[in-house]
């Protein structure tokens, strides 16, 4: 490795190396049966362009945060339904979840992402996040 020489590499070079390593790793992953043909029915693939690595990383982090936010919201609603929380706890959890949703929206807007962009397609398992039913 180049870092063993004791000299830190510039940030851009590090990002390019990460992107190249990711591209090599994904070259090893066999294509799925639906990916042999072209068309709109293809599963979404991870982009490994060095120019978009920051946005892609933000997308991944926001996806994980949104998944956790939804799980916390469902848990809180379940606890409210069974009467497991005091009124002040319900209020605090509700306020925290609303603030987290606002921050998620702000970050998505800053990086030109939508909440649908965060919903990864898991192939035969369906989507990672529940679709809005409305």
N, C-alpha and C. Protein backbone atom coordinates (compact mmCIF):
# COMPACT_ATOMS: atom_id res chain seq x y z
N UNK A 1 0.83 -1.18 0.00
CA UNK A 1 0.00 0.00 0.00
C UNK A 1 0.87 1.24 0.00
N UNK A 2 0.33 2.31 -0.58
CA UNK A 2 1.09 3.54 -0.66
C UNK A 2 1.14 4.25 0.68
N UNK A 3 0.18 3.98 1.56
CA UNK A 3 0.15 4.67 2.84
C UNK A 3 1.22 4.17 3.79
N UNK A 4 1.82 3.02 3.52
CA UNK A 4 2.85 2.48 4.39
C UNK A 4 4.11 3.33 4.38
N UNK A 5 4.29 4.17 3.35
CA UNK A 5 5.46 5.02 3.27
C UNK A 5 5.39 6.14 4.29
N UNK A 6 4.23 6.34 4.91
CA UNK A 6 4.09 7.36 5.93
C UNK A 6 3.58 8.68 5.38
N UNK A 7 3.48 8.82 4.06
CA UNK A 7 2.99 10.05 3.47
C UNK A 7 1.52 9.91 3.15
N UNK A 8 0.66 10.82 3.70
CA UNK A 8 -0.77 10.75 3.38
C UNK A 8 -1.00 11.15 1.93
N UNK A 9 -1.97 10.49 1.29
CA UNK A 9 -2.30 10.79 -0.09
C UNK A 9 -3.35 11.89 -0.13
N UNK A 10 -3.39 12.67 -1.22
CA UNK A 10 -4.44 13.68 -1.35
C UNK A 10 -5.81 13.04 -1.34
N UNK A 11 -6.81 13.79 -0.89
CA UNK A 11 -8.17 13.26 -0.73
C UNK A 11 -8.75 12.77 -2.05
N UNK A 12 -8.51 13.50 -3.14
CA UNK A 12 -9.06 13.10 -4.43
C UNK A 12 -8.51 11.76 -4.87
N UNK A 13 -7.24 11.57 -4.65
CA UNK A 13 -6.64 10.30 -5.04
C UNK A 13 -7.23 9.16 -4.21
N UNK A 14 -7.46 9.40 -2.92
CA UNK A 14 -8.08 8.38 -2.07
C UNK A 14 -9.48 8.04 -2.57
N UNK A 15 -10.27 9.06 -2.94
CA UNK A 15 -11.62 8.80 -3.44
C UNK A 15 -11.57 8.02 -4.74
N UNK A 16 -10.61 8.35 -5.60
CA UNK A 16 -10.49 7.61 -6.86
C UNK A 16 -10.11 6.16 -6.60
N UNK A 17 -9.23 5.92 -5.64
CA UNK A 17 -8.84 4.56 -5.32
C UNK A 17 -10.01 3.77 -4.76
N UNK A 18 -10.82 4.42 -3.92
CA UNK A 18 -12.00 3.75 -3.36
C UNK A 18 -12.97 3.41 -4.48
N UNK A 19 -13.20 4.36 -5.39
CA UNK A 19 -14.11 4.12 -6.50
C UNK A 19 -13.60 3.01 -7.40
N UNK A 20 -12.30 2.99 -7.66
CA UNK A 20 -11.74 1.94 -8.51
C UNK A 20 -11.84 0.57 -7.83
N UNK A 21 -11.60 0.54 -6.52
CA UNK A 21 -11.72 -0.73 -5.79
C UNK A 21 -13.16 -1.23 -5.82
N UNK A 22 -14.11 -0.32 -5.65
CA UNK A 22 -15.52 -0.71 -5.71
C UNK A 22 -15.88 -1.22 -7.09
N UNK A 23 -15.37 -0.54 -8.12
CA UNK A 23 -15.65 -0.98 -9.50
C UNK A 23 -15.09 -2.38 -9.73
N UNK A 24 -13.88 -2.63 -9.24
CA UNK A 24 -13.29 -3.97 -9.40
C UNK A 24 -14.10 -5.01 -8.65
N UNK A 25 -14.56 -4.65 -7.46
CA UNK A 25 -15.35 -5.59 -6.65
C UNK A 25 -16.66 -5.92 -7.36
N UNK A 26 -17.31 -4.93 -7.93
CA UNK A 26 -18.58 -5.18 -8.59
C UNK A 26 -18.41 -5.87 -9.93
N UNK A 27 -17.23 -5.78 -10.52
CA UNK A 27 -16.96 -6.55 -11.73
C UNK A 27 -16.95 -8.04 -11.44
N UNK A 28 -16.64 -8.40 -10.18
CA UNK A 28 -16.59 -9.81 -9.79
C UNK A 28 -17.96 -10.39 -9.51
N UNK A 29 -18.94 -9.52 -9.24
CA UNK A 29 -20.29 -9.99 -8.93
C UNK A 29 -20.97 -10.41 -10.22
N UNK A 30 -21.46 -11.65 -10.30
CA UNK A 30 -22.10 -12.08 -11.54
C UNK A 30 -23.40 -11.33 -11.77
N UNK A 31 -23.68 -11.06 -13.03
CA UNK A 31 -24.93 -10.38 -13.39
C UNK A 31 -26.10 -11.30 -13.12
N UNK A 32 -27.19 -10.73 -12.68
CA UNK A 32 -28.40 -11.50 -12.43
C UNK A 32 -29.05 -11.87 -13.76
N UNK A 33 -30.04 -12.75 -13.74
CA UNK A 33 -30.68 -13.19 -14.98
C UNK A 33 -31.36 -12.06 -15.73
N UNK A 34 -31.88 -11.05 -15.02
CA UNK A 34 -32.57 -9.93 -15.67
C UNK A 34 -31.60 -8.88 -16.20
N UNK A 35 -30.33 -8.96 -15.82
CA UNK A 35 -29.40 -7.91 -16.18
C UNK A 35 -28.69 -8.17 -17.50
N UNK A 36 -28.92 -9.31 -18.10
CA UNK A 36 -28.27 -9.62 -19.36
C UNK A 36 -28.85 -8.77 -20.49
N UNK A 37 -30.12 -8.41 -20.39
CA UNK A 37 -30.73 -7.59 -21.43
C UNK A 37 -30.80 -6.15 -20.97
N UNK A 38 -31.00 -5.26 -21.93
CA UNK A 38 -31.13 -3.85 -21.58
C UNK A 38 -32.59 -3.48 -21.56
N UNK A 39 -32.91 -2.43 -20.84
CA UNK A 39 -34.30 -2.00 -20.78
C UNK A 39 -34.60 -1.39 -19.42
N UNK A 40 -35.82 -0.93 -19.27
CA UNK A 40 -36.19 -0.24 -18.04
C UNK A 40 -36.46 -1.20 -16.88
N UNK A 41 -36.54 -2.49 -17.12
CA UNK A 41 -36.82 -3.46 -16.08
C UNK A 41 -35.60 -3.88 -15.29
N UNK A 42 -34.46 -3.26 -15.54
CA UNK A 42 -33.23 -3.66 -14.86
C UNK A 42 -33.23 -3.20 -13.41
N UNK A 43 -32.62 -3.99 -12.57
CA UNK A 43 -32.44 -3.60 -11.18
C UNK A 43 -31.46 -2.44 -11.12
N UNK A 44 -31.64 -1.58 -10.14
CA UNK A 44 -30.76 -0.44 -9.99
C UNK A 44 -29.40 -0.91 -9.51
N UNK A 45 -28.33 -0.47 -10.17
CA UNK A 45 -26.98 -0.88 -9.81
C UNK A 45 -26.26 0.28 -9.17
N UNK A 46 -25.29 -0.02 -8.36
CA UNK A 46 -24.48 0.98 -7.69
C UNK A 46 -23.56 1.64 -8.70
N UNK A 47 -23.58 2.96 -8.73
CA UNK A 47 -22.67 3.71 -9.60
C UNK A 47 -21.31 3.80 -8.90
N UNK A 48 -20.25 3.63 -9.67
CA UNK A 48 -18.91 3.68 -9.09
C UNK A 48 -18.06 4.76 -9.74
N UNK A 49 -18.72 5.79 -10.24
CA UNK A 49 -18.02 6.90 -10.87
C UNK A 49 -17.33 7.73 -9.78
N UNK A 50 -16.02 7.99 -9.92
CA UNK A 50 -15.31 8.77 -8.89
C UNK A 50 -15.92 10.15 -8.67
N UNK A 51 -16.57 10.70 -9.68
CA UNK A 51 -17.16 12.03 -9.55
C UNK A 51 -18.42 12.03 -8.67
N UNK A 52 -19.08 10.88 -8.55
CA UNK A 52 -20.33 10.83 -7.79
C UNK A 52 -20.21 10.02 -6.51
N UNK A 53 -19.00 9.68 -6.12
CA UNK A 53 -18.83 8.80 -4.96
C UNK A 53 -19.36 9.45 -3.67
N UNK A 54 -19.20 10.76 -3.52
CA UNK A 54 -19.69 11.43 -2.31
C UNK A 54 -21.21 11.36 -2.24
N UNK A 55 -21.88 11.67 -3.36
CA UNK A 55 -23.34 11.64 -3.38
C UNK A 55 -23.85 10.21 -3.15
N UNK A 56 -23.18 9.23 -3.75
CA UNK A 56 -23.59 7.84 -3.57
C UNK A 56 -23.42 7.39 -2.12
N UNK A 57 -22.36 7.85 -1.48
CA UNK A 57 -22.15 7.51 -0.07
C UNK A 57 -23.23 8.16 0.80
N UNK A 58 -23.55 9.42 0.51
CA UNK A 58 -24.62 10.11 1.24
C UNK A 58 -25.94 9.36 1.04
N UNK A 59 -26.20 8.91 -0.18
CA UNK A 59 -27.43 8.17 -0.48
C UNK A 59 -27.50 6.90 0.37
N UNK A 60 -26.39 6.17 0.46
CA UNK A 60 -26.37 4.95 1.26
C UNK A 60 -26.60 5.25 2.74
N UNK A 61 -25.92 6.26 3.27
CA UNK A 61 -26.07 6.62 4.69
C UNK A 61 -27.50 7.06 4.97
N UNK A 62 -28.06 7.90 4.10
CA UNK A 62 -29.44 8.36 4.31
C UNK A 62 -30.44 7.20 4.21
N UNK A 63 -30.16 6.23 3.36
CA UNK A 63 -31.02 5.06 3.26
C UNK A 63 -31.04 4.30 4.59
N UNK A 64 -29.88 4.11 5.17
CA UNK A 64 -29.80 3.40 6.46
C UNK A 64 -30.49 4.19 7.56
N UNK A 65 -30.27 5.51 7.58
CA UNK A 65 -30.91 6.35 8.59
C UNK A 65 -32.43 6.32 8.43
N UNK A 66 -32.92 6.37 7.19
CA UNK A 66 -34.37 6.32 6.95
C UNK A 66 -34.95 4.98 7.38
N UNK A 67 -34.25 3.90 7.12
CA UNK A 67 -34.71 2.58 7.55
C UNK A 67 -34.82 2.54 9.08
N UNK A 68 -33.80 3.03 9.76
CA UNK A 68 -33.83 3.06 11.23
C UNK A 68 -34.93 3.98 11.75
N UNK A 69 -35.13 5.14 11.09
CA UNK A 69 -36.18 6.06 11.51
C UNK A 69 -37.56 5.40 11.41
N UNK A 70 -37.79 4.68 10.31
CA UNK A 70 -39.07 4.00 10.14
C UNK A 70 -39.26 2.88 11.17
N UNK A 71 -38.20 2.17 11.47
CA UNK A 71 -38.29 1.12 12.49
C UNK A 71 -38.59 1.71 13.87
N UNK A 72 -37.92 2.82 14.20
CA UNK A 72 -38.18 3.49 15.48
C UNK A 72 -39.61 4.00 15.54
N UNK A 73 -40.11 4.54 14.43
CA UNK A 73 -41.48 5.04 14.39
C UNK A 73 -42.49 3.92 14.61
N UNK A 74 -42.27 2.78 13.95
CA UNK A 74 -43.18 1.64 14.13
C UNK A 74 -43.14 1.12 15.56
N UNK A 75 -41.95 1.05 16.13
CA UNK A 75 -41.82 0.60 17.52
C UNK A 75 -42.54 1.55 18.46
N UNK A 76 -42.37 2.85 18.23
CA UNK A 76 -43.04 3.85 19.08
C UNK A 76 -44.55 3.73 18.96
N UNK A 77 -45.05 3.58 17.74
CA UNK A 77 -46.51 3.44 17.55
C UNK A 77 -47.03 2.19 18.24
N UNK A 78 -46.27 1.10 18.16
CA UNK A 78 -46.68 -0.13 18.84
C UNK A 78 -46.73 0.09 20.36
N UNK A 79 -45.72 0.77 20.88
CA UNK A 79 -45.69 1.01 22.34
C UNK A 79 -46.83 1.92 22.77
N UNK A 80 -47.20 2.88 21.92
CA UNK A 80 -48.34 3.75 22.23
C UNK A 80 -49.63 2.92 22.22
N UNK A 81 -49.77 2.06 21.21
CA UNK A 81 -50.97 1.22 21.10
C UNK A 81 -51.18 0.32 22.31
N UNK A 82 -50.09 -0.23 22.86
CA UNK A 82 -50.23 -1.13 24.01
C UNK A 82 -50.19 -0.38 25.34
N UNK A 83 -50.05 0.96 25.27
CA UNK A 83 -50.06 1.75 26.49
C UNK A 83 -48.80 1.63 27.31
N UNK A 84 -47.68 1.41 26.65
CA UNK A 84 -46.39 1.17 27.31
C UNK A 84 -45.64 2.47 27.62
N UNK A 85 -46.17 3.62 27.17
CA UNK A 85 -45.45 4.89 27.35
C UNK A 85 -46.30 5.88 28.13
N UNK A 86 -45.62 6.71 28.91
CA UNK A 86 -46.30 7.82 29.57
C UNK A 86 -46.53 8.92 28.53
N UNK A 87 -47.42 9.83 28.84
CA UNK A 87 -47.77 10.90 27.90
C UNK A 87 -46.55 11.76 27.55
N UNK A 88 -45.71 12.07 28.54
CA UNK A 88 -44.53 12.89 28.25
C UNK A 88 -43.53 12.14 27.36
N UNK A 89 -43.44 10.81 27.51
CA UNK A 89 -42.56 10.01 26.65
C UNK A 89 -43.09 9.99 25.21
N UNK A 90 -44.41 9.84 25.07
CA UNK A 90 -45.01 9.87 23.74
C UNK A 90 -44.71 11.19 23.05
N UNK A 91 -44.87 12.27 23.80
CA UNK A 91 -44.61 13.61 23.25
C UNK A 91 -43.16 13.76 22.81
N UNK A 92 -42.24 13.32 23.64
CA UNK A 92 -40.81 13.44 23.33
C UNK A 92 -40.43 12.59 22.11
N UNK A 93 -40.94 11.36 22.05
CA UNK A 93 -40.64 10.49 20.91
C UNK A 93 -41.23 11.08 19.63
N UNK A 94 -42.46 11.56 19.71
CA UNK A 94 -43.10 12.17 18.54
C UNK A 94 -42.32 13.36 18.02
N UNK A 95 -41.88 14.22 18.93
CA UNK A 95 -41.11 15.41 18.55
C UNK A 95 -39.77 15.00 17.93
N UNK A 96 -39.12 14.02 18.52
CA UNK A 96 -37.82 13.55 17.99
C UNK A 96 -37.97 12.97 16.59
N UNK A 97 -39.00 12.17 16.37
CA UNK A 97 -39.22 11.60 15.05
C UNK A 97 -39.57 12.66 14.01
N UNK A 98 -40.31 13.69 14.41
CA UNK A 98 -40.63 14.78 13.49
C UNK A 98 -39.38 15.57 13.11
N UNK A 99 -38.53 15.83 14.09
CA UNK A 99 -37.29 16.56 13.81
C UNK A 99 -36.39 15.74 12.90
N UNK A 100 -36.29 14.44 13.16
CA UNK A 100 -35.47 13.57 12.31
C UNK A 100 -36.01 13.54 10.88
N UNK A 101 -37.32 13.50 10.71
CA UNK A 101 -37.93 13.52 9.37
C UNK A 101 -37.60 14.83 8.67
N UNK A 102 -37.65 15.95 9.40
CA UNK A 102 -37.31 17.25 8.80
C UNK A 102 -35.85 17.28 8.36
N UNK A 103 -34.95 16.75 9.18
CA UNK A 103 -33.52 16.73 8.83
C UNK A 103 -33.27 15.84 7.61
N UNK A 104 -33.98 14.72 7.55
CA UNK A 104 -33.86 13.83 6.39
C UNK A 104 -34.28 14.56 5.12
N UNK A 105 -35.38 15.28 5.19
CA UNK A 105 -35.86 16.04 4.03
C UNK A 105 -34.84 17.10 3.62
N UNK A 106 -34.26 17.80 4.59
CA UNK A 106 -33.26 18.82 4.29
C UNK A 106 -32.03 18.22 3.61
N UNK A 107 -31.56 17.07 4.13
CA UNK A 107 -30.38 16.44 3.54
C UNK A 107 -30.68 15.91 2.13
N UNK A 108 -31.86 15.34 1.96
CA UNK A 108 -32.24 14.87 0.62
C UNK A 108 -32.26 16.04 -0.36
N UNK A 109 -32.82 17.15 0.07
CA UNK A 109 -32.88 18.33 -0.79
C UNK A 109 -31.48 18.84 -1.11
N UNK A 110 -30.61 18.87 -0.11
CA UNK A 110 -29.24 19.37 -0.30
C UNK A 110 -28.48 18.53 -1.32
N UNK A 111 -28.70 17.22 -1.33
CA UNK A 111 -27.99 16.33 -2.24
C UNK A 111 -28.83 15.92 -3.44
N UNK A 112 -29.94 16.65 -3.67
CA UNK A 112 -30.81 16.42 -4.82
C UNK A 112 -31.28 14.97 -4.88
N UNK A 113 -31.77 14.48 -3.75
CA UNK A 113 -32.31 13.12 -3.65
C UNK A 113 -33.77 13.20 -3.24
N UNK A 114 -34.52 12.20 -3.60
CA UNK A 114 -35.90 12.08 -3.12
C UNK A 114 -35.95 10.89 -2.17
N UNK A 115 -37.01 10.80 -1.42
CA UNK A 115 -37.15 9.65 -0.52
C UNK A 115 -37.24 8.36 -1.34
N UNK A 116 -37.79 8.43 -2.55
CA UNK A 116 -37.87 7.26 -3.41
C UNK A 116 -36.47 6.81 -3.85
N UNK A 117 -35.53 7.77 -4.00
CA UNK A 117 -34.15 7.42 -4.35
C UNK A 117 -33.51 6.55 -3.27
N UNK A 118 -33.98 6.70 -2.03
CA UNK A 118 -33.40 5.96 -0.91
C UNK A 118 -33.96 4.55 -0.79
N UNK A 119 -35.02 4.28 -1.52
CA UNK A 119 -35.69 2.98 -1.42
C UNK A 119 -35.04 2.00 -2.38
N UNK A 120 -34.08 1.24 -1.88
CA UNK A 120 -33.32 0.31 -2.70
C UNK A 120 -34.17 -0.87 -3.14
N UNK A 121 -33.99 -1.28 -4.39
CA UNK A 121 -34.68 -2.45 -4.93
C UNK A 121 -33.87 -3.68 -4.57
N UNK A 122 -34.44 -4.59 -3.81
CA UNK A 122 -33.75 -5.80 -3.38
C UNK A 122 -34.08 -7.00 -4.26
N UNK A 123 -34.50 -6.73 -5.47
CA UNK A 123 -34.81 -7.81 -6.41
C UNK A 123 -36.03 -8.60 -5.98
N UNK A 124 -35.88 -9.93 -5.86
CA UNK A 124 -37.03 -10.76 -5.52
C UNK A 124 -37.60 -10.47 -4.13
N UNK A 125 -36.83 -9.83 -3.28
CA UNK A 125 -37.32 -9.52 -1.94
C UNK A 125 -38.20 -8.27 -1.92
N UNK A 126 -38.20 -7.51 -3.00
CA UNK A 126 -38.98 -6.28 -3.06
C UNK A 126 -38.12 -5.08 -2.69
N UNK A 127 -38.75 -4.01 -2.27
CA UNK A 127 -38.01 -2.80 -1.93
C UNK A 127 -37.61 -2.82 -0.45
N UNK A 128 -36.55 -2.11 -0.14
CA UNK A 128 -36.04 -2.07 1.23
C UNK A 128 -37.03 -1.37 2.17
N UNK A 129 -37.54 -0.24 1.73
CA UNK A 129 -38.47 0.54 2.54
C UNK A 129 -39.89 0.31 2.04
N UNK A 130 -40.87 0.36 2.93
CA UNK A 130 -42.25 0.19 2.48
C UNK A 130 -42.64 1.31 1.53
N UNK A 131 -43.38 0.98 0.51
CA UNK A 131 -43.88 1.99 -0.44
C UNK A 131 -45.03 2.72 0.21
N UNK A 132 -45.15 4.03 -0.11
CA UNK A 132 -46.29 4.80 0.39
C UNK A 132 -47.56 4.26 -0.22
N UNK A 133 -48.52 3.97 0.60
CA UNK A 133 -49.80 3.48 0.08
C UNK A 133 -50.78 4.64 0.13
N UNK A 134 -50.94 5.30 -0.98
CA UNK A 134 -51.79 6.42 -0.86
C UNK A 134 -52.38 6.85 -2.08
